[in-house]
C-alpha atoms as a PDB file:
ATOM      1  CA  MET A   1      -0.013   0.046  -0.014  1.00  0.00           C
ATOM      2  CA  ALA A   2       2.716   2.508   0.969  1.00  0.00           C
ATOM      3  CA  THR A   3       4.713   1.611  -2.128  1.00  0.00           C
ATOM      4  CA  ASP A   4       1.664   2.262  -4.371  1.00  0.00           C
ATOM      5  CA  VAL A   5       1.083   5.634  -2.682  1.00  0.00           C
ATOM      6  CA  ASP A   6       4.754   6.656  -3.069  1.00  0.00           C
ATOM      7  CA  LEU A   7       4.662   5.667  -6.702  1.00  0.00           C
ATOM      8  CA  THR A   8       1.474   7.683  -7.300  1.00  0.00           C
ATOM      9  CA  ILE A   9       2.999  10.756  -5.682  1.00  0.00           C
ATOM     10  CA  ASP A  10       6.203  10.486  -7.665  1.00  0.00           C
ATOM     11  CA  VAL A  11       4.337  10.197 -10.913  1.00  0.00           C
ATOM     12  CA  ALA A  12       2.050  13.192 -10.104  1.00  0.00           C
ATOM     13  CA  GLN A  13       5.015  15.362  -9.121  1.00  0.00           C
ATOM     14  CA  LYS A  14       6.943  14.417 -12.216  1.00  0.00           C
ATOM     15  CA  ALA A  15       3.965  15.139 -14.426  1.00  0.00           C
ATOM     16  CA  PHE A  16       3.535  18.585 -12.823  1.00  0.00           C
ATOM     17  CA  LYS A  17       7.168  19.491 -13.500  1.00  0.00           C
ATOM     18  CA  THR A  18       7.287  18.154 -17.047  1.00  0.00           C
ATOM     19  CA  SER A  19       3.822  18.465 -18.608  1.00  0.00           C
ATOM     20  CA  TRP A  20       0.832  20.204 -16.983  1.00  0.00           C
ATOM     21  CA  GLY A  21       2.620  22.381 -14.447  1.00  0.00           C
ATOM     22  CA  PRO A  22       4.618  25.647 -15.071  1.00  0.00           C
ATOM     23  CA  LYS A  23       5.536  24.505 -18.599  1.00  0.00           C
ATOM     24  CA  ALA A  24       1.933  24.406 -19.766  1.00  0.00           C
ATOM     25  CA  SER A  25      -0.258  27.451 -20.520  1.00  0.00           C
ATOM     26  CA  SER A  26      -3.224  28.217 -18.362  1.00  0.00           C
ATOM     27  CA  ALA A  27      -5.516  27.314 -21.267  1.00  0.00           C
ATOM     28  CA  GLU A  28      -3.854  23.871 -21.561  1.00  0.00           C
ATOM     29  CA  ARG A  29      -4.081  23.214 -17.800  1.00  0.00           C
ATOM     30  CA  GLY A  30      -7.774  24.164 -18.008  1.00  0.00           C
ATOM     31  CA  ARG A  31      -8.315  21.605 -20.763  1.00  0.00           C
ATOM     32  CA  ILE A  32      -6.569  18.930 -18.706  1.00  0.00           C
ATOM     33  CA  MET A  33      -8.689  19.728 -15.617  1.00  0.00           C
ATOM     34  CA  SER A  34     -11.912  19.657 -17.669  1.00  0.00           C
ATOM     35  CA  ARG A  35     -10.918  16.263 -19.128  1.00  0.00           C
ATOM     36  CA  PHE A  36     -10.179  14.946 -15.685  1.00  0.00           C
ATOM     37  CA  ALA A  37     -13.616  16.099 -14.550  1.00  0.00           C
ATOM     38  CA  ASP A  38     -15.239  14.383 -17.496  1.00  0.00           C
ATOM     39  CA  LEU A  39     -13.462  11.105 -16.605  1.00  0.00           C
ATOM     40  CA  LEU A  40     -14.559  11.384 -12.948  1.00  0.00           C
ATOM     41  CA  LYS A  41     -18.208  11.793 -14.019  1.00  0.00           C
ATOM     42  CA  LYS A  42     -17.961   8.957 -16.501  1.00  0.00           C
ATOM     43  CA  HIS A  43     -16.567   6.534 -13.889  1.00  0.00           C
ATOM     44  CA  GLN A  44     -18.416   7.839 -10.874  1.00  0.00           C
ATOM     45  CA  ASP A  45     -20.137   4.550  -9.980  1.00  0.00           C
ATOM     46  CA  GLU A  46     -16.821   2.640 -10.031  1.00  0.00           C
ATOM     47  CA  LEU A  47     -15.012   5.413  -8.027  1.00  0.00           C
ATOM     48  CA  CYS A  48     -17.916   5.549  -5.433  1.00  0.00           C
ATOM     49  CA  ALA A  49     -17.685   1.759  -4.866  1.00  0.00           C
ATOM     50  CA  LEU A  50     -13.893   1.980  -4.462  1.00  0.00           C
ATOM     51  CA  GLU A  51     -14.176   4.859  -2.030  1.00  0.00           C
ATOM     52  CA  ALA A  52     -16.725   2.923   0.056  1.00  0.00           C
ATOM     53  CA  LEU A  53     -14.120   0.171   0.454  1.00  0.00           C
ATOM     54  CA  ASN A  54     -10.979   2.279   0.649  1.00  0.00           C
ATOM     55  CA  VAL A  55     -10.703   5.185   3.134  1.00  0.00           C
ATOM     56  CA  ALA A  56      -7.119   6.063   2.341  1.00  0.00           C
ATOM     57  CA  SER A  57      -6.000   9.685   1.657  1.00  0.00           C
ATOM     58  CA  GLU A  58      -4.038  11.002  -1.280  1.00  0.00           C
ATOM     59  CA  ASN A  59      -0.981  13.258  -1.320  1.00  0.00           C
ATOM     60  CA  LYS A  60      -2.043  15.300   1.749  1.00  0.00           C
ATOM     61  CA  MET A  61      -2.792  15.047   5.479  1.00  0.00           C
ATOM     62  CA  ALA A  62      -6.290  16.021   6.623  1.00  0.00           C
ATOM     63  CA  HIS A  63      -6.470  16.992  10.262  1.00  0.00           C
ATOM     64  CA  THR A  64     -10.069  17.295  11.455  1.00  0.00           C
ATOM     65  CA  ARG A  65      -9.970  17.111  15.254  1.00  0.00           C
ATOM     66  CA  HIS A  66      -8.658  19.415  17.957  1.00  0.00           C
ATOM     67  CA  GLU A  67      -7.621  22.767  16.551  1.00  0.00           C
ATOM     68  CA  PRO A  68      -4.376  23.184  18.612  1.00  0.00           C
ATOM     69  CA  TYR A  69      -2.588  20.997  16.058  1.00  0.00           C
ATOM     70  CA  GLY A  70      -3.733  23.162  13.236  1.00  0.00           C
ATOM     71  CA  VAL A  71      -2.676  26.339  15.013  1.00  0.00           C
ATOM     72  CA  VAL A  72       0.826  24.907  15.621  1.00  0.00           C
ATOM     73  CA  VAL A  73       1.173  23.837  11.954  1.00  0.00           C
ATOM     74  CA  SER A  74       0.145  27.303  10.852  1.00  0.00           C
ATOM     75  CA  ARG A  75       2.834  28.919  12.883  1.00  0.00           C
ATOM     76  CA  MET A  76       5.498  26.347  11.768  1.00  0.00           C
ATOM     77  CA  MET A  77       4.765  26.702   8.031  1.00  0.00           C
ATOM     78  CA  LEU A  78       5.724  30.455   7.987  1.00  0.00           C
ATOM     79  CA  ARG A  79       3.364  30.901   5.000  1.00  0.00           C
ATOM     80  CA  VAL A  80      -0.319  31.252   4.262  1.00  0.00           C
ATOM     81  CA  THR A  81      -1.943  28.072   5.515  1.00  0.00           C
ATOM     82  CA  ASN A  82      -5.601  27.368   4.999  1.00  0.00           C
ATOM     83  CA  CYS A  83      -6.779  25.253   7.996  1.00  0.00           C
ATOM     84  CA  VAL A  84     -10.193  23.848   8.767  1.00  0.00           C
ATOM     85  CA  LEU A  85      -9.733  23.723  12.497  1.00  0.00           C
ATOM     86  CA  GLY A  86     -13.149  23.023  13.890  1.00  0.00           C
ATOM     87  CA  CYS A  87     -15.838  21.179  12.100  1.00  0.00           C
ATOM     88  CA  HIS A  88     -19.187  22.270  13.517  1.00  0.00           C
ATOM     89  CA  ARG A  89     -22.599  23.207  12.104  1.00  0.00           C
ATOM     90  CA  ASN A  90     -25.492  24.462  14.309  1.00  0.00           C
ATOM     91  CA  ILE A  91     -29.086  24.143  13.133  1.00  0.00           C
ATOM     92  CA  VAL A  92     -31.850  26.390  14.473  1.00  0.00           C
ATOM     93  CA  CYS A  93     -35.473  25.372  13.703  1.00  0.00           C
ATOM     94  CA  LEU A  94     -38.187  27.874  14.592  1.00  0.00           C
ATOM     95  CA  SER A  95     -40.795  26.749  12.094  1.00  0.00           C
ATOM     96  CA  TYR A  96     -43.553  24.164  12.260  1.00  0.00           C
ATOM     97  CA  ILE A  97     -44.001  24.474   8.496  1.00  0.00           C
ATOM     98  CA  HIS A  98     -40.330  23.566   7.763  1.00  0.00           C
ATOM     99  CA  PHE A  99     -39.624  21.039  10.524  1.00  0.00           C
ATOM    100  CA  LEU A 100     -39.802  18.104   8.147  1.00  0.00           C
ATOM    101  CA  LEU A 101     -37.231  19.731   5.861  1.00  0.00           C
ATOM    102  CA  CYS A 102     -35.126  20.574   8.881  1.00  0.00           C
ATOM    103  CA  ALA A 103     -35.185  16.899  10.045  1.00  0.00           C
ATOM    104  CA  GLU A 104     -34.059  15.732   6.634  1.00  0.00           C
ATOM    105  CA  CYS A 105     -31.309  18.317   6.345  1.00  0.00           C
ATOM    106  CA  SER A 106     -30.070  17.608   9.836  1.00  0.00           C
ATOM    107  CA  HIS A 107     -28.972  14.059   9.123  1.00  0.00           C
ATOM    108  CA  ASN A 108     -25.266  13.660   8.508  1.00  0.00           C
ATOM    109  CA  PRO A 109     -24.238  11.207   5.804  1.00  0.00           C
ATOM    110  CA  ASN A 110     -20.800   9.604   5.682  1.00  0.00           C
ATOM    111  CA  MET A 111     -20.909   8.699   9.371  1.00  0.00           C
ATOM    112  CA  GLY A 112     -20.864  12.341  10.221  1.00  0.00           C
ATOM    113  CA  GLN A 113     -17.391  12.743   8.792  1.00  0.00           C
ATOM    114  CA  SER A 114     -17.999  16.159   7.160  1.00  0.00           C
ATOM    115  CA  CYS A 115     -16.628  19.553   7.923  1.00  0.00           C
ATOM    116  CA  ILE A 116     -20.247  20.884   8.143  1.00  0.00           C
ATOM    117  CA  THR A 117     -21.738  17.980  10.068  1.00  0.00           C
ATOM    118  CA  ALA A 118     -24.831  18.896  12.088  1.00  0.00           C
ATOM    119  CA  SER A 119     -23.491  18.787  15.583  1.00  0.00           C
ATOM    120  CA  CYS A 120     -26.117  20.700  17.504  1.00  0.00           C
ATOM    121  CA  ILE A 121     -29.757  20.981  16.481  1.00  0.00           C
ATOM    122  CA  PHE A 122     -31.796  23.596  18.304  1.00  0.00           C
ATOM    123  CA  VAL A 123     -35.654  23.093  18.059  1.00  0.00           C
ATOM    124  CA  GLN A 124     -38.289  25.397  19.308  1.00  0.00           C
ATOM    125  CA  GLU A 125     -40.228  23.960  22.230  1.00  0.00           C
ATOM    126  CA  SER A 126     -43.623  23.864  20.370  1.00  0.00           C
ATOM    127  CA  ILE A 127     -42.316  21.404  17.696  1.00  0.00           C
ATOM    128  CA  TYR A 128     -39.673  19.576  19.753  1.00  0.00           C
ATOM    129  CA  SER A 129     -41.585  16.333  20.221  1.00  0.00           C
ATOM    130  CA  ILE A 130     -42.720  15.879  16.642  1.00  0.00           C
ATOM    131  CA  PHE A 131     -39.298  16.774  15.344  1.00  0.00           C
ATOM    132  CA  LEU A 132     -37.671  14.087  17.499  1.00  0.00           C
ATOM    133  CA  LYS A 133     -40.088  11.459  16.094  1.00  0.00           C
ATOM    134  CA  LYS A 134     -39.336  12.345  12.481  1.00  0.00           C
ATOM    135  CA  PHE A 135     -35.583  12.608  13.068  1.00  0.00           C
ATOM    136  CA  THR A 136     -35.519   9.172  14.697  1.00  0.00           C
ATOM    137  CA  ILE A 137     -37.439   7.584  11.801  1.00  0.00           C
ATOM    138  CA  LEU A 138     -34.865   8.916   9.335  1.00  0.00           C
ATOM    139  CA  ALA A 139     -31.858   7.382  11.168  1.00  0.00           C
ATOM    140  CA  GLN A 140     -30.438   4.465   9.177  1.00  0.00           C
ATOM    141  CA  THR A 141     -27.227   2.654   9.826  1.00  0.00           C
ATOM    142  CA  GLY A 142     -25.862  -0.132   7.521  1.00  0.00           C
ATOM    143  CA  SER A 143     -24.075  -0.952   4.355  1.00  0.00           C
ATOM    144  CA  SER A 144     -22.636   1.908   2.283  1.00  0.00           C
ATOM    145  CA  PHE A 145     -24.021   0.234  -0.828  1.00  0.00           C
ATOM    146  CA  ASN A 146     -27.597   0.492   0.360  1.00  0.00           C
ATOM    147  CA  PRO A 147     -29.170   3.739  -1.004  1.00  0.00           C
ATOM    148  CA  SER A 148     -31.339   4.205   2.107  1.00  0.00           C
ATOM    149  CA  THR A 149     -28.387   4.115   4.460  1.00  0.00           C
ATOM    150  CA  GLN A 150     -27.227   7.399   6.042  1.00  0.00           C
ATOM    151  CA  HIS A 151     -24.429   5.925   8.158  1.00  0.00           C
ATOM    152  CA  GLY A 152     -21.890   3.301   7.347  1.00  0.00           C
ATOM    153  CA  PRO A 153     -19.128   1.752   9.513  1.00  0.00           C
ATOM    154  CA  GLN A 154     -16.218   3.475  11.248  1.00  0.00           C
ATOM    155  CA  ILE A 155     -12.892   3.049   9.496  1.00  0.00           C
ATOM    156  CA  LEU A 156     -11.190   0.853  12.196  1.00  0.00           C
ATOM    157  CA  GLN A 157     -11.360  -0.369  15.760  1.00  0.00           C
ATOM    158  CA  LEU A 158      -9.552   2.720  17.127  1.00  0.00           C
ATOM    159  CA  GLN A 159     -12.144   5.023  15.664  1.00  0.00           C
ATOM    160  CA  PHE A 160     -14.961   2.848  16.831  1.00  0.00           C
ATOM    161  CA  ASP A 161     -13.580   2.819  20.386  1.00  0.00           C
ATOM    162  CA  HIS A 162     -13.000   6.620  20.342  1.00  0.00           C
ATOM    163  CA  PHE A 163     -16.726   7.295  19.587  1.00  0.00           C
ATOM    164  CA  MET A 164     -18.045   4.717  22.017  1.00  0.00           C
ATOM    165  CA  GLY A 165     -15.904   6.396  24.696  1.00  0.00           C
ATOM    166  CA  PHE A 166     -17.201   9.767  23.641  1.00  0.00           C
ATOM    167  CA  ILE A 167     -20.772   8.599  23.996  1.00  0.00           C
ATOM    168  CA  LYS A 168     -19.995   7.167  27.397  1.00  0.00           C
ATOM    169  CA  SER A 169     -18.319  10.359  28.666  1.00  0.00           C
ATOM    170  CA  ASN A 170     -21.264  12.562  27.548  1.00  0.00           C
ATOM    171  CA  LYS A 171     -23.688  10.254  29.347  1.00  0.00           C
ATOM    172  CA  GLU A 172     -21.600  10.625  32.477  1.00  0.00           C
ATOM    173  CA  GLU A 173     -21.806  14.449  32.083  1.00  0.00           C
ATOM    174  CA  GLY A 174     -25.521  14.235  32.221  1.00  0.00           C
ATOM    175  CA  ALA A 175     -26.667  14.126  28.561  1.00  0.00           C
ATOM    176  CA  LYS A 176     -29.502  11.695  27.862  1.00  0.00           C
ATOM    177  CA  VAL A 177     -29.353   9.266  24.983  1.00  0.00           C
ATOM    178  CA  HIS A 178     -32.591   9.566  23.047  1.00  0.00           C
ATOM    179  CA  PHE A 179     -31.645   7.152  20.281  1.00  0.00           C
ATOM    180  CA  GLY A 180     -28.578   4.981  19.448  1.00  0.00           C
ATOM    181  CA  GLY A 181     -25.545   5.079  21.675  1.00  0.00           C
ATOM    182  CA  GLU A 182     -24.678   1.457  20.996  1.00  0.00           C
ATOM    183  CA  ARG A 183     -23.125  -0.857  18.519  1.00  0.00           C
ATOM    184  CA  HIS A 184     -25.079  -1.816  15.387  1.00  0.00           C
ATOM    185  CA  ARG A 185     -24.458  -5.486  14.474  1.00  0.00           C
ATOM    186  CA  GLN A 186     -21.667  -7.579  15.859  1.00  0.00           C
ATOM    187  CA  GLU A 187     -19.585  -7.602  12.714  1.00  0.00           C
ATOM    188  CA  GLY A 188     -17.796  -4.515  11.518  1.00  0.00           C
ATOM    189  CA  PHE A 189     -17.377  -1.182  13.268  1.00  0.00           C
ATOM    190  CA  PHE A 190     -20.976   0.076  12.990  1.00  0.00           C
ATOM    191  CA  ILE A 191     -22.306   2.572  15.525  1.00  0.00           C
ATOM    192  CA  LYS A 192     -25.982   3.582  15.603  1.00  0.00           C
ATOM    193  CA  LEU A 193     -26.595   7.223  14.935  1.00  0.00           C
ATOM    194  CA  THR A 194     -26.643   8.677  18.453  1.00  0.00           C
ATOM    195  CA  MET A 195     -28.891  11.578  19.513  1.00  0.00           C
ATOM    196  CA  PHE A 196     -28.414  13.247  22.831  1.00  0.00           C
ATOM    197  CA  THR A 197     -31.076  15.369  24.508  1.00  0.00           C
ATOM    198  CA  ASP A 198     -31.643  17.043  27.854  1.00  0.00           C
ATOM    199  CA  MET A 199     -28.168  18.620  28.351  1.00  0.00           C
ATOM    200  CA  THR A 200     -26.559  21.840  29.442  1.00  0.00           C
ATOM    201  CA  PRO A 201     -24.513  24.013  27.067  1.00  0.00           C
ATOM    202  CA  SER A 202     -21.375  23.086  28.891  1.00  0.00           C
ATOM    203  CA  VAL A 203     -21.276  19.409  27.944  1.00  0.00           C
ATOM    204  CA  SER A 204     -18.542  18.101  25.625  1.00  0.00           C
ATOM    205  CA  ILE A 205     -20.883  17.291  22.759  1.00  0.00           C
ATOM    206  CA  MET A 206     -21.961  20.975  22.461  1.00  0.00           C
ATOM    207  CA  GLN A 207     -18.523  22.577  22.802  1.00  0.00           C
ATOM    208  CA  ASN A 208     -16.308  20.137  20.830  1.00  0.00           C
ATOM    209  CA  GLU A 209     -16.167  19.060  17.280  1.00  0.00           C
ATOM    210  CA  ILE A 210     -17.316  15.433  16.825  1.00  0.00           C
ATOM    211  CA  PHE A 211     -16.798  14.337  13.269  1.00  0.00           C
ATOM    212  CA  GLY A 212     -18.810  11.197  13.898  1.00  0.00           C
ATOM    213  CA  PRO A 213     -22.307   9.691  14.122  1.00  0.00           C
ATOM    214  CA  VAL A 214     -23.287  11.760  17.159  1.00  0.00           C
ATOM    215  CA  CYS A 215     -25.461  14.879  17.515  1.00  0.00           C
ATOM    216  CA  SER A 216     -27.343  16.755  20.163  1.00  0.00           C
ATOM    217  CA  ILE A 217     -30.913  18.077  19.980  1.00  0.00           C
ATOM    218  CA  ILE A 218     -31.647  20.998  22.191  1.00  0.00           C
ATOM    219  CA  LYS A 219     -35.063  22.421  23.103  1.00  0.00           C
ATOM    220  CA  PHE A 220     -35.451  26.199  23.404  1.00  0.00           C
ATOM    221  CA  LYS A 221     -38.144  28.769  24.106  1.00  0.00           C
ATOM    222  CA  THR A 222     -37.013  32.132  22.756  1.00  0.00           C
ATOM    223  CA  GLU A 223     -35.012  33.374  19.791  1.00  0.00           C
ATOM    224  CA  GLU A 224     -32.809  35.532  22.113  1.00  0.00           C
ATOM    225  CA  LYS A 225     -31.852  32.557  24.279  1.00  0.00           C
ATOM    226  CA  VAL A 226     -31.006  30.146  21.393  1.00  0.00           C
ATOM    227  CA  LEU A 227     -28.817  32.773  19.711  1.00  0.00           C
ATOM    228  CA  GLU A 228     -26.988  33.322  22.941  1.00  0.00           C
ATOM    229  CA  ILE A 229     -26.273  29.679  23.322  1.00  0.00           C
ATOM    230  CA  VAL A 230     -25.238  29.129  19.683  1.00  0.00           C
ATOM    231  CA  ASN A 231     -22.855  32.119  19.611  1.00  0.00           C
ATOM    232  CA  ASP A 232     -21.232  30.890  22.866  1.00  0.00           C
ATOM    233  CA  ILE A 233     -20.064  27.653  21.087  1.00  0.00           C
ATOM    234  CA  THR A 234     -16.362  27.735  20.239  1.00  0.00           C
ATOM    235  CA  TYR A 235     -16.801  26.937  16.601  1.00  0.00           C
ATOM    236  CA  GLY A 236     -18.718  28.604  13.734  1.00  0.00           C
ATOM    237  CA  LEU A 237     -18.093  26.959  10.440  1.00  0.00           C
ATOM    238  CA  GLY A 238     -21.650  26.841   9.249  1.00  0.00           C
ATOM    239  CA  ALA A 239     -25.313  27.136  10.423  1.00  0.00           C
ATOM    240  CA  ASN A 240     -28.818  26.447   9.181  1.00  0.00           C
ATOM    241  CA  VAL A 241     -31.950  28.433   9.995  1.00  0.00           C
ATOM    242  CA  PHE A 242     -35.475  27.091   9.313  1.00  0.00           C
ATOM    243  CA  MET A 243     -38.383  29.564   9.495  1.00  0.00           C
ATOM    244  CA  GLU A 244     -41.051  31.070   7.227  1.00  0.00           C
ATOM    245  CA  ASN A 245     -40.675  34.713   8.315  1.00  0.00           C
ATOM    246  CA  THR A 246     -38.166  36.327   5.976  1.00  0.00           C
ATOM    247  CA  SER A 247     -37.651  39.438   8.099  1.00  0.00           C
ATOM    248  CA  ARG A 248     -37.003  37.239  11.160  1.00  0.00           C
ATOM    249  CA  ALA A 249     -34.668  35.034   9.188  1.00  0.00           C
ATOM    250  CA  ILE A 250     -32.551  38.056   8.146  1.00  0.00           C
ATOM    251  CA  ARG A 251     -32.338  39.222  11.738  1.00  0.00           C
ATOM    252  CA  VAL A 252     -31.297  35.797  13.000  1.00  0.00           C
ATOM    253  CA  THR A 253     -28.637  35.242  10.300  1.00  0.00           C
ATOM    254  CA  HIS A 254     -27.113  38.666  10.984  1.00  0.00           C
ATOM    255  CA  THR A 255     -26.816  37.725  14.659  1.00  0.00           C
ATOM    256  CA  LEU A 256     -25.455  34.198  14.194  1.00  0.00           C
ATOM    257  CA  GLU A 257     -21.653  33.930  14.363  1.00  0.00           C
ATOM    258  CA  ALA A 258     -21.006  31.522  11.492  1.00  0.00           C
ATOM    259  CA  ASP A 259     -19.403  31.764   8.066  1.00  0.00           C
ATOM    260  CA  THR A 260     -21.991  30.196   5.794  1.00  0.00           C
ATOM    261  CA  ILE A 261     -25.675  30.265   6.858  1.00  0.00           C
ATOM    262  CA  TRP A 262     -28.316  28.408   4.877  1.00  0.00           C
ATOM    263  CA  VAL A 263     -31.876  29.432   5.314  1.00  0.00           C
ATOM    264  CA  ASN A 264     -34.605  26.743   4.662  1.00  0.00           C
ATOM    265  CA  CYS A 265     -32.004  24.613   2.856  1.00  0.00           C
ATOM    266  CA  ALA A 266     -28.738  22.802   3.584  1.00  0.00           C
ATOM    267  CA  GLN A 267     -25.359  22.728   1.859  1.00  0.00           C
ATOM    268  CA  ALA A 268     -26.517  24.612  -1.193  1.00  0.00           C
ATOM    269  CA  THR A 269     -23.080  25.688  -2.460  1.00  0.00           C
ATOM    270  CA  GLU A 270     -21.800  27.618  -5.468  1.00  0.00           C
ATOM    271  CA  MET A 271     -18.233  27.333  -6.677  1.00  0.00           C
ATOM    272  CA  ASN A 272     -17.887  31.148  -6.854  1.00  0.00           C
ATOM    273  CA  VAL A 273     -19.142  31.764  -3.271  1.00  0.00           C
ATOM    274  CA  PRO A 274     -16.381  31.725  -0.592  1.00  0.00           C
ATOM    275  CA  PHE A 275     -16.506  29.170   2.257  1.00  0.00           C
ATOM    276  CA  GLY A 276     -14.471  29.295   5.493  1.00  0.00           C
ATOM    277  CA  GLY A 277     -14.933  29.666   9.237  1.00  0.00           C
ATOM    278  CA  TYR A 278     -15.641  31.890  12.161  1.00  0.00           C
ATOM    279  CA  LYS A 279     -14.049  31.813  15.566  1.00  0.00           C
ATOM    280  CA  GLN A 280     -12.016  28.574  16.092  1.00  0.00           C
ATOM    281  CA  SER A 281     -13.365  26.954  12.949  1.00  0.00           C
ATOM    282  CA  GLY A 282     -10.605  28.206  10.705  1.00  0.00           C
ATOM    283  CA  MET A 283      -8.947  30.921   8.808  1.00  0.00           C
ATOM    284  CA  GLU A 284      -9.022  32.112   5.130  1.00  0.00           C
ATOM    285  CA  ARG A 285     -11.633  31.034   2.641  1.00  0.00           C
ATOM    286  CA  GLU A 286     -12.058  28.392  -0.043  1.00  0.00           C
ATOM    287  CA  LEU A 287     -13.931  28.659  -3.365  1.00  0.00           C
ATOM    288  CA  GLY A 288     -14.201  31.655  -5.643  1.00  0.00           C
ATOM    289  CA  GLN A 289     -11.725  34.498  -5.920  1.00  0.00           C
ATOM    290  CA  TYR A 290     -10.921  34.233  -2.187  1.00  0.00           C
ATOM    291  CA  ALA A 291      -9.472  30.693  -2.740  1.00  0.00           C
ATOM    292  CA  LEU A 292      -7.294  31.888  -5.625  1.00  0.00           C
ATOM    293  CA  ASP A 293      -5.827  34.578  -3.342  1.00  0.00           C
ATOM    294  CA  ILE A 294      -4.568  31.875  -0.951  1.00  0.00           C
ATOM    295  CA  TYR A 295      -2.681  30.138  -3.730  1.00  0.00           C
ATOM    296  CA  THR A 296      -1.169  33.370  -5.009  1.00  0.00           C
ATOM    297  CA  GLN A 297       2.329  34.543  -3.973  1.00  0.00           C
ATOM    298  CA  VAL A 298       2.791  38.322  -4.478  1.00  0.00           C
ATOM    299  CA  LYS A 299       6.092  39.193  -6.127  1.00  0.00           C
ATOM    300  CA  ILE A 300       7.372  42.753  -6.700  1.00  0.00           C
ATOM    301  CA  ILE A 301       9.878  43.539  -9.469  1.00  0.00           C
ATOM    302  CA  GLN A 302      11.264  47.074  -9.755  1.00  0.00           C
ATOM    303  CA  MET A 303      13.260  47.800 -12.903  1.00  0.00           C
ATOM    304  CA  ASN A 304      15.051  50.982 -13.977  1.00  0.00           C
ATOM    305  CA  ILE A 305      14.554  51.318 -17.784  1.00  0.00           C
ATOM    306  CA  GLY A 306      15.486  55.021 -17.905  1.00  0.00           C
ATOM    307  CA  GLN A 307      18.618  56.826 -16.841  1.00  0.00           C
ATOM    308  CA  LYS A 308      21.587  55.139 -15.202  1.00  0.00           C
ATOM    309  CA  LEU A 309      21.700  55.298 -11.450  1.00  0.00           C
END
């Protein structure tokens, strides 16, 4: 495995230096990237099957837990470093009309391993019970090849043990398990999607990034109180707001401390719209012109073309 990875990296670096890198025009590099995108689309079914079986990472290191590591790396690199340091998305539902959509958008595919995984779901008191019922029905754990499955297995025993320990520690802190919290099947590293309820804002699940099949559902009474709790959370990568009153939605989104806020939708992204983080969720931005700025090194050349000095 290591030999295959090393060979792939060597070939990619050699190709960059000799063919599609600095020696190629921007137009030619654009054609190569478009061709690559066409091939990905053509073979998407095969690639998805391979990805479901293989969880390795290509020519990079992805760090997705505990931001101090990212902060240290940023200082050591002595260059612009774009770090996603805290993966956390808060969802606020204030609408009976949109609670079904909110329940569907709150589920985290890929075992919750997403930078904008729904960690904390805040539901207004009047629709809390019906939301819990719908959310529980939607929870499905099983094979990654089953279209109805939302959560597959953890990658290995170490990851499985980590999340089971996390679930146990939050129960000890006083959080109540509403659904899940246990192993799914005896074979493989499957964990049932776990939903915590009845907790205080200080518990670990609300203040730490999880990156796994665990979320918390919090009941609230007033808009002012829920905004106070959400903004007190350390991270602010993304947020969702579900409500039918447009004026109220604008007011809430202006108050929320998060980078990207989706209103009555989830993860609706555009390639030209920047994406990044607030507070300890990261620095810089990806996508659009902002992303190009990160990869641009400014160089100043001053040349005397007139009289001799």
